[in-house]
Amino acid sequence: MALSDINTKPTQEMADEATQGLEWREEFGRGGTEVGVARARDIKNRANLSIRTVKRMYSYLSRHEVDKEGQGFYSGDEGYPSAGRIAWALWGGDPGFAWTKRKIAEIEKEEKFDNMKNKEIRTIDVQDLELRMDGDNPTVVGYGAVFNSMSNDLGGFREYIAPEAFEGRLEDDVRFLVNHDANLVLARTTNNTLRLSVDEKGLRYEADMPNTSTARDLMELLKNGTISQSSFAFTVEDDSWEMKDGMNVRTINKVSRLYDVSSVTYPAYNAASSSVALRSMEEWQEKEEAKKLEENLAKEKEEGIKEEKDLMKRSLAEMRLKVLKNKY
């Protein structure tokens, strides 16, 4: 399901609340704003609301739930219906609040899925790999990403990771996996079996291995060098592009979400893992072409103005000569 497939038609209970709110406001001359009135009309008519409107409704109702504690909110109170009660009704009341909670959960699920479609994977050869065998819980220590190191050709471009790329991401719910397989999870940041840090070299991880067959197999394969690469899965918030030595070069300035670090059998530098970056590159190239076109147009305009000025100067010079000839 896409965001556009979410049913955003208000329920009849919401419509009844909005109708009541409009009637109260007409009768008592208080409660809500023009925005609330407009919202109530949409709800009363059970018009399909935009995703943005649903989010605004949820935000409003969440902030104003405290109005229930005020005098006149409930039937039987002095001053009922209070301005707060009328405004609450205009936004769909309790049925509207319950409805927006359900819709927000659906929206967040779809937005998360949409974000997952932008997930990228990058792989490096394991550097400074350390296998600690202290006690009963062996620990794998290594780097999931290395800063300021040019990648291989990723299909028309190369890539750097900026040292600031993982700021704010070390608190994400990150897993340590084998081959990015969610069924082969070995450690996790939320229970401190996976610990992430950033140093001058890159994104460093320490993963405590559980007493499972998958962990034991991985440890053995790491020891004998059969597996020699690390990888991480992520989405990008900010990147920049430049042309360097005839090659398109991307710099990942900011990672928006870090999903996992993994020990991998095969590198993930393929078309599938680079498709998001390729879209970003195409957008950059289009902007660069548009920029060049704009610069060329500006240059042509400037040259045209210069030619017109030169022509005017020549015309004026010719006119002066004619005047002088006629004079003498």
C-alpha atoms as a PDB file:
ATOM      1  CA  MET A   1       0.000   0.000   0.000  1.00  0.00           C
ATOM      2  CA  ALA A   2       1.178   3.528  -0.796  1.00  0.00           C
ATOM      3  CA  LEU A   3       0.401   6.695   1.182  1.00  0.00           C
ATOM      4  CA  SER A   4      -2.183   7.593  -1.449  1.00  0.00           C
ATOM      5  CA  ASP A   5      -4.017   4.321  -0.741  1.00  0.00           C
ATOM      6  CA  ILE A   6      -4.668   5.157   2.925  1.00  0.00           C
ATOM      7  CA  ASN A   7      -8.354   5.824   3.541  1.00  0.00           C
ATOM      8  CA  THR A   8      -8.574   9.365   4.913  1.00  0.00           C
ATOM      9  CA  LYS A   9     -12.357   9.770   4.781  1.00  0.00           C
ATOM     10  CA  PRO A  10     -13.665  10.887   8.212  1.00  0.00           C
ATOM     11  CA  THR A  11     -16.060   8.543  10.002  1.00  0.00           C
ATOM     12  CA  GLN A  12     -19.714   9.343  10.601  1.00  0.00           C
ATOM     13  CA  GLU A  13     -18.985   9.754  14.339  1.00  0.00           C
ATOM     14  CA  MET A  14     -16.422  12.427  13.468  1.00  0.00           C
ATOM     15  CA  ALA A  15     -18.920  14.118  11.159  1.00  0.00           C
ATOM     16  CA  ASP A  16     -21.508  14.164  13.963  1.00  0.00           C
ATOM     17  CA  GLU A  17     -18.973  15.785  16.329  1.00  0.00           C
ATOM     18  CA  ALA A  18     -17.999  18.407  13.749  1.00  0.00           C
ATOM     19  CA  THR A  19     -21.678  19.190  13.057  1.00  0.00           C
ATOM     20  CA  GLN A  20     -22.298  19.654  16.758  1.00  0.00           C
ATOM     21  CA  GLY A  21     -19.266  21.933  17.041  1.00  0.00           C
ATOM     22  CA  LEU A  22     -20.474  24.133  14.177  1.00  0.00           C
ATOM     23  CA  GLU A  23     -23.949  24.385  15.739  1.00  0.00           C
ATOM     24  CA  TRP A  24     -22.518  25.268  19.154  1.00  0.00           C
ATOM     25  CA  ARG A  25     -20.253  27.928  17.667  1.00  0.00           C
ATOM     26  CA  GLU A  26     -23.212  29.453  15.837  1.00  0.00           C
ATOM     27  CA  GLU A  27     -25.308  29.448  19.015  1.00  0.00           C
ATOM     28  CA  PHE A  28     -22.735  30.610  21.589  1.00  0.00           C
ATOM     29  CA  GLY A  29     -20.314  32.606  19.426  1.00  0.00           C
ATOM     30  CA  ARG A  30     -17.202  31.044  20.915  1.00  0.00           C
ATOM     31  CA  GLY A  31     -14.745  28.224  20.442  1.00  0.00           C
ATOM     32  CA  GLY A  32     -12.221  27.471  17.735  1.00  0.00           C
ATOM     33  CA  THR A  33     -10.804  29.553  14.920  1.00  0.00           C
ATOM     34  CA  GLU A  34     -11.546  29.969  11.246  1.00  0.00           C
ATOM     35  CA  VAL A  35      -9.112  27.118  10.610  1.00  0.00           C
ATOM     36  CA  GLY A  36     -11.123  24.934  13.002  1.00  0.00           C
ATOM     37  CA  VAL A  37     -14.348  25.907  11.266  1.00  0.00           C
ATOM     38  CA  ALA A  38     -12.907  25.014   7.865  1.00  0.00           C
ATOM     39  CA  ARG A  39     -11.696  21.694   9.255  1.00  0.00           C
ATOM     40  CA  ALA A  40     -15.139  20.996  10.744  1.00  0.00           C
ATOM     41  CA  ARG A  41     -16.813  21.605   7.402  1.00  0.00           C
ATOM     42  CA  ASP A  42     -14.508  19.114   5.690  1.00  0.00           C
ATOM     43  CA  ILE A  43     -15.145  16.553   8.425  1.00  0.00           C
ATOM     44  CA  LYS A  44     -18.903  17.185   8.367  1.00  0.00           C
ATOM     45  CA  ASN A  45     -18.934  16.592   4.599  1.00  0.00           C
ATOM     46  CA  ARG A  46     -16.703  13.533   5.082  1.00  0.00           C
ATOM     47  CA  ALA A  47     -14.290  14.820   2.455  1.00  0.00           C
ATOM     48  CA  ASN A  48     -11.096  12.846   1.877  1.00  0.00           C
ATOM     49  CA  LEU A  49      -8.405  14.641   3.857  1.00  0.00           C
ATOM     50  CA  SER A  50      -4.788  15.053   2.804  1.00  0.00           C
ATOM     51  CA  ILE A  51      -2.021  13.252   4.675  1.00  0.00           C
ATOM     52  CA  ARG A  52      -0.777  16.645   5.799  1.00  0.00           C
ATOM     53  CA  THR A  53      -4.206  17.516   7.206  1.00  0.00           C
ATOM     54  CA  VAL A  54      -4.401  14.222   9.116  1.00  0.00           C
ATOM     55  CA  LYS A  55      -1.023  14.997  10.674  1.00  0.00           C
ATOM     56  CA  ARG A  56      -2.179  18.494  11.616  1.00  0.00           C
ATOM     57  CA  MET A  57      -5.344  17.093  13.168  1.00  0.00           C
ATOM     58  CA  TYR A  58      -3.364  14.625  15.258  1.00  0.00           C
ATOM     59  CA  SER A  59      -0.975  17.381  16.354  1.00  0.00           C
ATOM     60  CA  TYR A  60      -3.821  19.729  17.289  1.00  0.00           C
ATOM     61  CA  LEU A  61      -5.825  17.126  19.205  1.00  0.00           C
ATOM     62  CA  SER A  62      -2.726  15.905  21.026  1.00  0.00           C
ATOM     63  CA  ARG A  63      -1.905  19.439  22.187  1.00  0.00           C
ATOM     64  CA  HIS A  64      -5.450  20.324  23.185  1.00  0.00           C
ATOM     65  CA  GLU A  65      -6.419  17.139  25.008  1.00  0.00           C
ATOM     66  CA  VAL A  66      -5.501  19.083  28.145  1.00  0.00           C
ATOM     67  CA  ASP A  67      -8.614  21.243  27.521  1.00  0.00           C
ATOM     68  CA  LYS A  68     -10.657  18.352  28.882  1.00  0.00           C
ATOM     69  CA  GLU A  69      -9.477  19.355  32.340  1.00  0.00           C
ATOM     70  CA  GLY A  70     -11.073  22.792  32.054  1.00  0.00           C
ATOM     71  CA  GLN A  71     -14.433  23.909  33.431  1.00  0.00           C
ATOM     72  CA  GLY A  72     -17.372  23.388  31.092  1.00  0.00           C
ATOM     73  CA  PHE A  73     -15.925  20.623  28.983  1.00  0.00           C
ATOM     74  CA  TYR A  74     -18.392  17.940  30.062  1.00  0.00           C
ATOM     75  CA  SER A  75     -22.178  17.988  30.038  1.00  0.00           C
ATOM     76  CA  GLY A  76     -23.457  19.109  33.436  1.00  0.00           C
ATOM     77  CA  ASP A  77     -20.491  21.420  34.068  1.00  0.00           C
ATOM     78  CA  GLU A  78     -21.122  25.108  34.558  1.00  0.00           C
ATOM     79  CA  GLY A  79     -20.488  26.951  31.293  1.00  0.00           C
ATOM     80  CA  TYR A  80     -20.947  23.854  29.149  1.00  0.00           C
ATOM     81  CA  PRO A  81     -20.026  23.761  26.308  1.00  0.00           C
ATOM     82  CA  SER A  82     -16.792  25.647  26.970  1.00  0.00           C
ATOM     83  CA  ALA A  83     -14.772  27.219  24.174  1.00  0.00           C
ATOM     84  CA  GLY A  84     -12.352  24.302  24.489  1.00  0.00           C
ATOM     85  CA  ARG A  85     -15.164  21.757  24.142  1.00  0.00           C
ATOM     86  CA  ILE A  86     -16.498  23.471  21.036  1.00  0.00           C
ATOM     87  CA  ALA A  87     -13.036  23.649  19.456  1.00  0.00           C
ATOM     88  CA  TRP A  88     -12.493  19.974  20.301  1.00  0.00           C
ATOM     89  CA  ALA A  89     -15.712  19.088  18.498  1.00  0.00           C
ATOM     90  CA  LEU A  90     -14.749  21.132  15.440  1.00  0.00           C
ATOM     91  CA  TRP A  91     -11.681  18.909  14.993  1.00  0.00           C
ATOM     92  CA  GLY A  92     -13.684  15.687  15.264  1.00  0.00           C
ATOM     93  CA  GLY A  93     -13.736  15.246  19.047  1.00  0.00           C
ATOM     94  CA  ASP A  94     -12.843  11.955  20.702  1.00  0.00           C
ATOM     95  CA  PRO A  95     -13.761   9.939  17.590  1.00  0.00           C
ATOM     96  CA  GLY A  96     -11.455  12.178  15.565  1.00  0.00           C
ATOM     97  CA  PHE A  97      -8.587  11.771  18.019  1.00  0.00           C
ATOM     98  CA  ALA A  98      -8.904   7.975  18.005  1.00  0.00           C
ATOM     99  CA  TRP A  99      -9.141   7.997  14.199  1.00  0.00           C
ATOM    100  CA  THR A 100      -6.062  10.188  13.721  1.00  0.00           C
ATOM    101  CA  LYS A 101      -4.050   7.894  16.015  1.00  0.00           C
ATOM    102  CA  ARG A 102      -4.886   4.941  13.764  1.00  0.00           C
ATOM    103  CA  LYS A 103      -4.135   6.923  10.626  1.00  0.00           C
ATOM    104  CA  ILE A 104      -0.821   8.222  11.954  1.00  0.00           C
ATOM    105  CA  ALA A 105       0.235   4.620  12.649  1.00  0.00           C
ATOM    106  CA  GLU A 106      -0.651   3.687   9.037  1.00  0.00           C
ATOM    107  CA  ILE A 107       1.153   6.746   7.666  1.00  0.00           C
ATOM    108  CA  GLU A 108       4.310   6.083   9.681  1.00  0.00           C
ATOM    109  CA  LYS A 109       4.340   2.480   8.526  1.00  0.00           C
ATOM    110  CA  GLU A 110       4.111   3.498   4.869  1.00  0.00           C
ATOM    111  CA  GLU A 111       6.651   6.299   5.240  1.00  0.00           C
ATOM    112  CA  LYS A 112       9.051   3.846   6.863  1.00  0.00           C
ATOM    113  CA  PHE A 113       8.520   1.407   3.991  1.00  0.00           C
ATOM    114  CA  ASP A 114       9.037   4.201   1.483  1.00  0.00           C
ATOM    115  CA  ASN A 115      12.247   5.147   3.262  1.00  0.00           C
ATOM    116  CA  MET A 116      13.385   1.503   3.161  1.00  0.00           C
ATOM    117  CA  LYS A 117      13.126   1.657  -0.632  1.00  0.00           C
ATOM    118  CA  ASN A 118      15.873   4.293  -0.481  1.00  0.00           C
ATOM    119  CA  LYS A 119      18.147   2.074   1.594  1.00  0.00           C
ATOM    120  CA  GLU A 120      21.694   1.752   0.294  1.00  0.00           C
ATOM    121  CA  ILE A 121      24.417  -0.775   1.113  1.00  0.00           C
ATOM    122  CA  ARG A 122      28.176  -0.214   1.013  1.00  0.00           C
ATOM    123  CA  THR A 123      30.938  -2.774   1.588  1.00  0.00           C
ATOM    124  CA  ILE A 124      34.596  -2.476   2.549  1.00  0.00           C
ATOM    125  CA  ASP A 125      37.382  -4.969   3.129  1.00  0.00           C
ATOM    126  CA  VAL A 126      37.610  -5.637   6.856  1.00  0.00           C
ATOM    127  CA  GLN A 127      40.302  -3.404   8.301  1.00  0.00           C
ATOM    128  CA  ASP A 128      41.898  -3.811  11.744  1.00  0.00           C
ATOM    129  CA  LEU A 129      39.587  -6.747  12.434  1.00  0.00           C
ATOM    130  CA  GLU A 130      39.932  -8.002  15.980  1.00  0.00           C
ATOM    131  CA  LEU A 131      38.443 -11.127  17.514  1.00  0.00           C
ATOM    132  CA  ARG A 132      38.370 -10.843  21.276  1.00  0.00           C
ATOM    133  CA  MET A 133      37.991 -14.106  23.121  1.00  0.00           C
ATOM    134  CA  ASP A 134      37.574 -12.785  26.671  1.00  0.00           C
ATOM    135  CA  GLY A 135      35.324 -15.043  28.729  1.00  0.00           C
ATOM    136  CA  ASP A 136      32.336 -16.853  27.307  1.00  0.00           C
ATOM    137  CA  ASN A 137      31.244 -14.059  24.966  1.00  0.00           C
ATOM    138  CA  PRO A 138      33.604 -13.510  22.002  1.00  0.00           C
ATOM    139  CA  THR A 139      33.486 -10.034  20.476  1.00  0.00           C
ATOM    140  CA  VAL A 140      33.974  -9.024  16.853  1.00  0.00           C
ATOM    141  CA  VAL A 141      35.562  -5.587  16.488  1.00  0.00           C
ATOM    142  CA  GLY A 142      35.944  -3.810  13.175  1.00  0.00           C
ATOM    143  CA  TYR A 143      34.863  -0.947  10.938  1.00  0.00           C
ATOM    144  CA  GLY A 144      31.596  -0.785   9.010  1.00  0.00           C
ATOM    145  CA  ALA A 145      32.622   2.363   7.127  1.00  0.00           C
ATOM    146  CA  VAL A 146      35.873   4.256   6.525  1.00  0.00           C
ATOM    147  CA  PHE A 147      36.001   8.040   6.146  1.00  0.00           C
ATOM    148  CA  ASN A 148      37.601   9.969   3.281  1.00  0.00           C
ATOM    149  CA  SER A 149      38.445   6.792   1.379  1.00  0.00           C
ATOM    150  CA  MET A 150      37.536   6.633  -2.307  1.00  0.00           C
ATOM    151  CA  SER A 151      35.280   3.710  -3.109  1.00  0.00           C
ATOM    152  CA  ASN A 152      35.487   1.453  -6.129  1.00  0.00           C
ATOM    153  CA  ASP A 153      33.520   2.380  -9.240  1.00  0.00           C
ATOM    154  CA  LEU A 154      29.890   1.991  -8.199  1.00  0.00           C
ATOM    155  CA  GLY A 155      28.518   2.100 -11.713  1.00  0.00           C
ATOM    156  CA  GLY A 156      29.421   5.507 -13.100  1.00  0.00           C
ATOM    157  CA  PHE A 157      30.555   7.184  -9.898  1.00  0.00           C
ATOM    158  CA  ARG A 158      32.813   6.845  -6.880  1.00  0.00           C
ATOM    159  CA  GLU A 159      32.089   7.812  -3.330  1.00  0.00           C
ATOM    160  CA  TYR A 160      33.495   9.298  -0.121  1.00  0.00           C
ATOM    161  CA  ILE A 161      31.961   9.222   3.358  1.00  0.00           C
ATOM    162  CA  ALA A 162      32.423  12.453   5.293  1.00  0.00           C
ATOM    163  CA  PRO A 163      33.619  12.209   8.929  1.00  0.00           C
ATOM    164  CA  GLU A 164      30.417  13.926  10.092  1.00  0.00           C
ATOM    165  CA  ALA A 165      28.116  11.549   8.192  1.00  0.00           C
ATOM    166  CA  PHE A 166      27.067   9.491  11.232  1.00  0.00           C
ATOM    167  CA  GLU A 167      26.386  12.359  13.645  1.00  0.00           C
ATOM    168  CA  GLY A 168      23.217  11.534  15.588  1.00  0.00           C
ATOM    169  CA  ARG A 169      23.049   7.997  14.221  1.00  0.00           C
ATOM    170  CA  LEU A 170      24.871   6.098  16.956  1.00  0.00           C
ATOM    171  CA  GLU A 171      21.641   6.030  18.985  1.00  0.00           C
ATOM    172  CA  ASP A 172      19.667   4.349  16.187  1.00  0.00           C
ATOM    173  CA  ASP A 173      18.317   0.833  16.683  1.00  0.00           C
ATOM    174  CA  VAL A 174      21.100  -0.893  14.732  1.00  0.00           C
ATOM    175  CA  ARG A 175      21.658  -4.645  14.266  1.00  0.00           C
ATOM    176  CA  PHE A 176      24.766  -6.676  13.567  1.00  0.00           C
ATOM    177  CA  LEU A 177      23.804  -9.160  10.858  1.00  0.00           C
ATOM    178  CA  VAL A 178      25.285 -11.692   8.502  1.00  0.00           C
ATOM    179  CA  ASN A 179      24.806 -10.692   4.850  1.00  0.00           C
ATOM    180  CA  HIS A 180      22.162  -8.116   5.853  1.00  0.00           C
ATOM    181  CA  ASP A 181      19.792 -10.992   6.599  1.00  0.00           C
ATOM    182  CA  ALA A 182      17.346 -10.006   9.361  1.00  0.00           C
ATOM    183  CA  ASN A 183      16.985 -13.699  10.186  1.00  0.00           C
ATOM    184  CA  LEU A 184      20.694 -13.847  11.063  1.00  0.00           C
ATOM    185  CA  VAL A 185      20.840 -11.176  13.756  1.00  0.00           C
ATOM    186  CA  LEU A 186      23.723 -11.555  16.219  1.00  0.00           C
ATOM    187  CA  ALA A 187      23.809  -8.292  18.181  1.00  0.00           C
ATOM    188  CA  ARG A 188      21.832  -5.064  18.659  1.00  0.00           C
ATOM    189  CA  THR A 189      22.465  -1.585  20.024  1.00  0.00           C
ATOM    190  CA  THR A 190      19.271  -1.502  22.098  1.00  0.00           C
ATOM    191  CA  ASN A 191      20.538  -4.273  24.404  1.00  0.00           C
ATOM    192  CA  ASN A 192      24.165  -3.062  24.256  1.00  0.00           C
ATOM    193  CA  THR A 193      25.429  -6.236  22.581  1.00  0.00           C
ATOM    194  CA  LEU A 194      26.369  -3.988  19.656  1.00  0.00           C
ATOM    195  CA  ARG A 195      28.302  -0.810  20.419  1.00  0.00           C
ATOM    196  CA  LEU A 196      29.025   1.838  17.789  1.00  0.00           C
ATOM    197  CA  SER A 197      31.535   4.657  17.898  1.00  0.00           C
ATOM    198  CA  VAL A 198      33.213   7.068  15.508  1.00  0.00           C
ATOM    199  CA  ASP A 199      36.937   7.802  15.433  1.00  0.00           C
ATOM    200  CA  GLU A 200      39.260   9.471  12.927  1.00  0.00           C
ATOM    201  CA  LYS A 201      39.189   6.338  10.780  1.00  0.00           C
ATOM    202  CA  GLY A 202      35.501   5.558  10.490  1.00  0.00           C
ATOM    203  CA  LEU A 203      32.441   3.898  11.990  1.00  0.00           C
ATOM    204  CA  ARG A 204      33.717   1.350  14.508  1.00  0.00           C
ATOM    205  CA  TYR A 205      31.656  -1.493  15.912  1.00  0.00           C
ATOM    206  CA  GLU A 206      31.989  -4.002  18.730  1.00  0.00           C
ATOM    207  CA  ALA A 207      29.563  -6.922  18.505  1.00  0.00           C
ATOM    208  CA  ASP A 208      29.265  -9.473  21.319  1.00  0.00           C
ATOM    209  CA  MET A 209      28.640 -12.897  19.819  1.00  0.00           C
ATOM    210  CA  PRO A 210      25.829 -15.018  21.270  1.00  0.00           C
ATOM    211  CA  ASN A 211      26.163 -18.750  21.869  1.00  0.00           C
ATOM    212  CA  THR A 212      24.474 -19.746  18.605  1.00  0.00           C
ATOM    213  CA  SER A 213      25.539 -21.843  15.645  1.00  0.00           C
ATOM    214  CA  THR A 214      25.399 -18.775  13.366  1.00  0.00           C
ATOM    215  CA  ALA A 215      27.785 -16.868  15.627  1.00  0.00           C
ATOM    216  CA  ARG A 216      30.180 -19.792  15.949  1.00  0.00           C
ATOM    217  CA  ASP A 217      30.197 -20.298  12.173  1.00  0.00           C
ATOM    218  CA  LEU A 218      30.871 -16.598  11.595  1.00  0.00           C
ATOM    219  CA  MET A 219      33.709 -16.525  14.101  1.00  0.00           C
ATOM    220  CA  GLU A 220      35.399 -19.473  12.401  1.00  0.00           C
ATOM    221  CA  LEU A 221      34.987 -17.935   8.934  1.00  0.00           C
ATOM    222  CA  LEU A 222      36.389 -14.619  10.149  1.00  0.00           C
ATOM    223  CA  LYS A 223      39.341 -16.355  11.772  1.00  0.00           C
ATOM    224  CA  ASN A 224      40.410 -18.221   8.643  1.00  0.00           C
ATOM    225  CA  GLY A 225      39.726 -15.277   6.334  1.00  0.00           C
ATOM    226  CA  THR A 226      36.877 -16.860   4.385  1.00  0.00           C
ATOM    227  CA  ILE A 227      34.787 -13.782   5.235  1.00  0.00           C
ATOM    228  CA  SER A 228      36.838 -10.604   4.971  1.00  0.00           C
ATOM    229  CA  GLN A 229      34.396  -7.783   4.342  1.00  0.00           C
ATOM    230  CA  SER A 230      32.115  -5.562   6.387  1.00  0.00           C
ATOM    231  CA  SER A 231      29.098  -3.689   5.142  1.00  0.00           C
ATOM    232  CA  PHE A 232      26.489  -1.239   6.398  1.00  0.00           C
ATOM    233  CA  ALA A 233      22.934  -0.410   5.305  1.00  0.00           C
ATOM    234  CA  PHE A 234      21.723   3.178   5.449  1.00  0.00           C
ATOM    235  CA  THR A 235      19.676   5.968   3.907  1.00  0.00           C
ATOM    236  CA  VAL A 236      21.109   9.362   2.970  1.00  0.00           C
ATOM    237  CA  GLU A 237      19.860  12.734   4.175  1.00  0.00           C
ATOM    238  CA  ASP A 238      22.412  14.918   2.435  1.00  0.00           C
ATOM    239  CA  ASP A 239      24.986  14.317  -0.284  1.00  0.00           C
ATOM    240  CA  SER A 240      27.002  16.412  -2.724  1.00  0.00           C
ATOM    241  CA  TRP A 241      28.567  15.782  -6.124  1.00  0.00           C
ATOM    242  CA  GLU A 242      31.559  16.956  -8.097  1.00  0.00           C
ATOM    243  CA  MET A 243      33.540  16.001 -11.173  1.00  0.00           C
ATOM    244  CA  LYS A 244      37.037  14.869 -10.229  1.00  0.00           C
ATOM    245  CA  ASP A 245      39.614  13.522 -12.717  1.00  0.00           C
ATOM    246  CA  GLY A 246      36.860  12.765 -15.206  1.00  0.00           C
ATOM    247  CA  MET A 247      34.792  10.769 -12.687  1.00  0.00           C
ATOM    248  CA  ASN A 248      31.555  11.672 -10.932  1.00  0.00           C
ATOM    249  CA  VAL A 249      32.313  11.707  -7.202  1.00  0.00           C
ATOM    250  CA  ARG A 250      29.697  11.639  -4.477  1.00  0.00           C
ATOM    251  CA  THR A 251      30.281  12.676  -0.865  1.00  0.00           C
ATOM    252  CA  ILE A 252      27.839  11.358   1.741  1.00  0.00           C
ATOM    253  CA  ASN A 253      27.572  14.280   4.145  1.00  0.00           C
ATOM    254  CA  LYS A 254      24.765  13.061   6.370  1.00  0.00           C
ATOM    255  CA  VAL A 255      23.204   9.639   6.961  1.00  0.00           C
ATOM    256  CA  SER A 256      19.521   9.858   7.908  1.00  0.00           C
ATOM    257  CA  ARG A 257      19.165   6.299   9.186  1.00  0.00           C
ATOM    258  CA  LEU A 258      21.614   3.508  10.003  1.00  0.00           C
ATOM    259  CA  TYR A 259      19.948   0.086   9.773  1.00  0.00           C
ATOM    260  CA  ASP A 260      22.696  -2.461  10.297  1.00  0.00           C
ATOM    261  CA  VAL A 261      26.351  -3.368  10.046  1.00  0.00           C
ATOM    262  CA  SER A 262      27.072  -6.799   8.629  1.00  0.00           C
ATOM    263  CA  SER A 263      29.781  -9.306   7.908  1.00  0.00           C
ATOM    264  CA  VAL A 264      29.262 -10.205   4.261  1.00  0.00           C
ATOM    265  CA  THR A 265      30.258 -12.954   1.872  1.00  0.00           C
ATOM    266  CA  TYR A 266      29.990 -10.848  -1.295  1.00  0.00           C
ATOM    267  CA  PRO A 267      30.427  -7.110  -1.797  1.00  0.00           C
ATOM    268  CA  ALA A 268      27.238  -5.157  -2.366  1.00  0.00           C
ATOM    269  CA  TYR A 269      28.656  -2.761  -4.965  1.00  0.00           C
ATOM    270  CA  ASN A 270      26.095  -3.533  -7.623  1.00  0.00           C
ATOM    271  CA  ALA A 271      23.394  -1.729  -9.571  1.00  0.00           C
ATOM    272  CA  ALA A 272      20.696  -2.560  -7.026  1.00  0.00           C
ATOM    273  CA  SER A 273      22.550  -1.072  -4.064  1.00  0.00           C
ATOM    274  CA  SER A 274      23.606   1.997  -6.044  1.00  0.00           C
ATOM    275  CA  SER A 275      20.278   2.846  -7.694  1.00  0.00           C
ATOM    276  CA  VAL A 276      19.373   5.506  -5.112  1.00  0.00           C
ATOM    277  CA  ALA A 277      22.777   7.161  -5.538  1.00  0.00           C
ATOM    278  CA  LEU A 278      22.399   7.026  -9.326  1.00  0.00           C
ATOM    279  CA  ARG A 279      19.084   8.895  -9.044  1.00  0.00           C
ATOM    280  CA  SER A 280      20.824  11.493  -6.895  1.00  0.00           C
ATOM    281  CA  MET A 281      23.613  11.754  -9.487  1.00  0.00           C
ATOM    282  CA  GLU A 282      21.095  12.231 -12.301  1.00  0.00           C
ATOM    283  CA  GLU A 283      19.398  15.035 -10.355  1.00  0.00           C
ATOM    284  CA  TRP A 284      22.782  16.687  -9.795  1.00  0.00           C
ATOM    285  CA  GLN A 285      23.660  16.372 -13.483  1.00  0.00           C
ATOM    286  CA  GLU A 286      20.320  17.895 -14.474  1.00  0.00           C
ATOM    287  CA  LYS A 287      20.909  20.814 -12.091  1.00  0.00           C
ATOM    288  CA  GLU A 288      24.429  21.280 -13.443  1.00  0.00           C
ATOM    289  CA  GLU A 289      23.116  21.272 -17.019  1.00  0.00           C
ATOM    290  CA  ALA A 290      20.411  23.762 -16.084  1.00  0.00           C
ATOM    291  CA  LYS A 291      23.010  25.916 -14.338  1.00  0.00           C
ATOM    292  CA  LYS A 292      25.283  25.850 -17.384  1.00  0.00           C
ATOM    293  CA  LEU A 293      22.356  26.680 -19.644  1.00  0.00           C
ATOM    294  CA  GLU A 294      21.432  29.605 -17.412  1.00  0.00           C
ATOM    295  CA  GLU A 295      25.051  30.791 -17.381  1.00  0.00           C
ATOM    296  CA  ASN A 296      25.263  30.508 -21.184  1.00  0.00           C
ATOM    297  CA  LEU A 297      22.032  32.451 -21.585  1.00  0.00           C
ATOM    298  CA  ALA A 298      23.317  35.123 -19.232  1.00  0.00           C
ATOM    299  CA  LYS A 299      26.607  35.249 -21.156  1.00  0.00           C
ATOM    300  CA  GLU A 300      24.797  35.472 -24.484  1.00  0.00           C
ATOM    301  CA  LYS A 301      22.609  38.241 -23.088  1.00  0.00           C
ATOM    302  CA  GLU A 302      25.664  40.087 -21.819  1.00  0.00           C
ATOM    303  CA  GLU A 303      27.391  39.707 -25.200  1.00  0.00           C
ATOM    304  CA  GLY A 304      24.235  40.866 -26.957  1.00  0.00           C
ATOM    305  CA  ILE A 305      24.073  43.974 -24.794  1.00  0.00           C
ATOM    306  CA  LYS A 306      27.751  44.613 -25.481  1.00  0.00           C
ATOM    307  CA  GLU A 307      27.201  44.254 -29.231  1.00  0.00           C
ATOM    308  CA  GLU A 308      24.256  46.656 -29.072  1.00  0.00           C
ATOM    309  CA  LYS A 309      26.404  49.205 -27.217  1.00  0.00           C
ATOM    310  CA  ASP A 310      29.196  48.793 -29.764  1.00  0.00           C
ATOM    311  CA  LEU A 311      26.694  49.207 -32.582  1.00  0.00           C
ATOM    312  CA  MET A 312      25.321  52.353 -30.975  1.00  0.00           C
ATOM    313  CA  LYS A 313      28.837  53.732 -30.576  1.00  0.00           C
ATOM    314  CA  ARG A 314      29.600  53.037 -34.225  1.00  0.00           C
ATOM    315  CA  SER A 315      26.322  54.611 -35.284  1.00  0.00           C
ATOM    316  CA  LEU A 316      27.027  57.699 -33.200  1.00  0.00           C
ATOM    317  CA  ALA A 317      30.546  57.943 -34.629  1.00  0.00           C
ATOM    318  CA  GLU A 318      29.171  57.690 -38.175  1.00  0.00           C
ATOM    319  CA  MET A 319      26.592  60.378 -37.420  1.00  0.00           C
ATOM    320  CA  ARG A 320      29.318  62.700 -36.080  1.00  0.00           C
ATOM    321  CA  LEU A 321      31.341  62.175 -39.246  1.00  0.00           C
ATOM    322  CA  LYS A 322      28.325  63.018 -41.412  1.00  0.00           C
ATOM    323  CA  VAL A 323      27.656  66.151 -39.359  1.00  0.00           C
ATOM    324  CA  LEU A 324      31.284  67.243 -39.687  1.00  0.00           C
ATOM    325  CA  LYS A 325      31.283  66.589 -43.439  1.00  0.00           C
ATOM    326  CA  ASN A 326      28.082  68.589 -43.899  1.00  0.00           C
ATOM    327  CA  LYS A 327      29.488  71.349 -41.716  1.00  0.00           C
ATOM    328  CA  TYR A 328      32.666  71.753 -43.767  1.00  0.00           C
END
